[in-house]
């Protein structure tokens, strides 16, 4: 059961991270910006994921998990 839930969450999260490849050209055209400016929200999201993983990892190390 836990493996199935983990696989489902990883699939949903993976789609969200890689969907930017499809959407980015439309964002560039819509806002009239270059690729660097259009990908800034994606970069901020990835930095947020990294920081969140550190915080959640420390919390799980201290409290354990109960799934």
C-alpha atoms as a PDB file:
ATOM      1  CA  UNK A   1       0.000   0.000   0.000  1.00  0.00           C
ATOM      2  CA  UNK A   2       2.752   2.477   0.925  1.00  0.00           C
ATOM      3  CA  UNK A   3       4.614   1.698  -2.277  1.00  0.00           C
ATOM      4  CA  UNK A   4       1.522   2.427  -4.361  1.00  0.00           C
ATOM      5  CA  UNK A   5       0.911   5.742  -2.610  1.00  0.00           C
ATOM      6  CA  UNK A   6       4.562   6.705  -3.024  1.00  0.00           C
ATOM      7  CA  UNK A   7       4.451   5.866  -6.729  1.00  0.00           C
ATOM      8  CA  UNK A   8       1.278   7.903  -7.215  1.00  0.00           C
ATOM      9  CA  UNK A   9       2.721  10.946  -5.444  1.00  0.00           C
ATOM     10  CA  UNK A  10       6.000  10.702  -7.365  1.00  0.00           C
ATOM     11  CA  UNK A  11       4.115  10.508 -10.664  1.00  0.00           C
ATOM     12  CA  UNK A  12       1.969  13.540  -9.878  1.00  0.00           C
ATOM     13  CA  UNK A  13       4.982  15.523  -8.675  1.00  0.00           C
ATOM     14  CA  UNK A  14       7.030  14.525 -11.694  1.00  0.00           C
ATOM     15  CA  UNK A  15       4.364  15.658 -14.135  1.00  0.00           C
ATOM     16  CA  UNK A  16       4.236  19.054 -12.462  1.00  0.00           C
ATOM     17  CA  UNK A  17       7.977  19.511 -12.686  1.00  0.00           C
ATOM     18  CA  UNK A  18       8.292  18.465 -16.332  1.00  0.00           C
ATOM     19  CA  UNK A  19       5.149  20.184 -17.641  1.00  0.00           C
ATOM     20  CA  UNK A  20       7.095  23.448 -17.713  1.00  0.00           C
ATOM     21  CA  UNK A  21       8.926  22.184 -20.810  1.00  0.00           C
ATOM     22  CA  UNK A  22       5.623  22.179 -22.697  1.00  0.00           C
ATOM     23  CA  UNK A  23       4.266  25.435 -21.258  1.00  0.00           C
ATOM     24  CA  UNK A  24       7.396  27.618 -21.296  1.00  0.00           C
ATOM     25  CA  UNK A  25       7.261  28.700 -24.984  1.00  0.00           C
ATOM     26  CA  UNK A  26       3.656  29.851 -24.554  1.00  0.00           C
ATOM     27  CA  UNK A  27       4.587  31.807 -21.411  1.00  0.00           C
ATOM     28  CA  UNK A  28       7.447  33.474 -23.274  1.00  0.00           C
ATOM     29  CA  UNK A  29       5.154  34.507 -26.119  1.00  0.00           C
ATOM     30  CA  UNK A  30       2.322  35.657 -23.854  1.00  0.00           C
ATOM     31  CA  UNK A  31       4.463  37.930 -21.694  1.00  0.00           C
ATOM     32  CA  UNK A  32       7.024  38.884 -24.331  1.00  0.00           C
ATOM     33  CA  UNK A  33      10.016  37.893 -22.213  1.00  0.00           C
ATOM     34  CA  UNK A  34      13.142  35.863 -22.848  1.00  0.00           C
ATOM     35  CA  UNK A  35      13.591  32.290 -21.685  1.00  0.00           C
ATOM     36  CA  UNK A  36      15.491  33.263 -18.531  1.00  0.00           C
ATOM     37  CA  UNK A  37      12.722  35.546 -17.287  1.00  0.00           C
ATOM     38  CA  UNK A  38       9.999  33.061 -18.183  1.00  0.00           C
ATOM     39  CA  UNK A  39      11.732  30.246 -16.287  1.00  0.00           C
ATOM     40  CA  UNK A  40      12.277  32.261 -13.089  1.00  0.00           C
ATOM     41  CA  UNK A  41       9.068  30.969 -11.392  1.00  0.00           C
ATOM     42  CA  UNK A  42      10.180  27.404 -12.174  1.00  0.00           C
ATOM     43  CA  UNK A  43      13.603  28.088 -10.674  1.00  0.00           C
ATOM     44  CA  UNK A  44      11.992  29.541  -7.544  1.00  0.00           C
ATOM     45  CA  UNK A  45       9.788  26.453  -7.263  1.00  0.00           C
ATOM     46  CA  UNK A  46      12.780  24.112  -7.464  1.00  0.00           C
ATOM     47  CA  UNK A  47      14.636  26.130  -4.804  1.00  0.00           C
ATOM     48  CA  UNK A  48      11.507  25.908  -2.634  1.00  0.00           C
ATOM     49  CA  UNK A  49      11.379  22.134  -3.129  1.00  0.00           C
ATOM     50  CA  UNK A  50      15.028  21.851  -2.110  1.00  0.00           C
ATOM     51  CA  UNK A  51      14.528  23.929   1.036  1.00  0.00           C
ATOM     52  CA  UNK A  52      11.346  22.045   1.880  1.00  0.00           C
ATOM     53  CA  UNK A  53      13.087  18.697   1.521  1.00  0.00           C
ATOM     54  CA  UNK A  54      15.763  19.763   3.983  1.00  0.00           C
ATOM     55  CA  UNK A  55      13.184  20.946   6.521  1.00  0.00           C
ATOM     56  CA  UNK A  56      10.885  17.950   6.133  1.00  0.00           C
ATOM     57  CA  UNK A  57      13.842  15.560   6.248  1.00  0.00           C
ATOM     58  CA  UNK A  58      15.027  17.016   9.539  1.00  0.00           C
ATOM     59  CA  UNK A  59      11.497  16.853  10.977  1.00  0.00           C
ATOM     60  CA  UNK A  60      11.094  13.215   9.947  1.00  0.00           C
ATOM     61  CA  UNK A  61      14.488  12.353  11.439  1.00  0.00           C
ATOM     62  CA  UNK A  62      13.391  13.842  14.755  1.00  0.00           C
ATOM     63  CA  UNK A  63       9.772  12.645  14.902  1.00  0.00           C
ATOM     64  CA  UNK A  64       9.775   9.580  12.664  1.00  0.00           C
ATOM     65  CA  UNK A  65       7.118   8.770  10.110  1.00  0.00           C
ATOM     66  CA  UNK A  66       3.832   6.982  10.640  1.00  0.00           C
ATOM     67  CA  UNK A  67       2.384   6.186   7.224  1.00  0.00           C
END
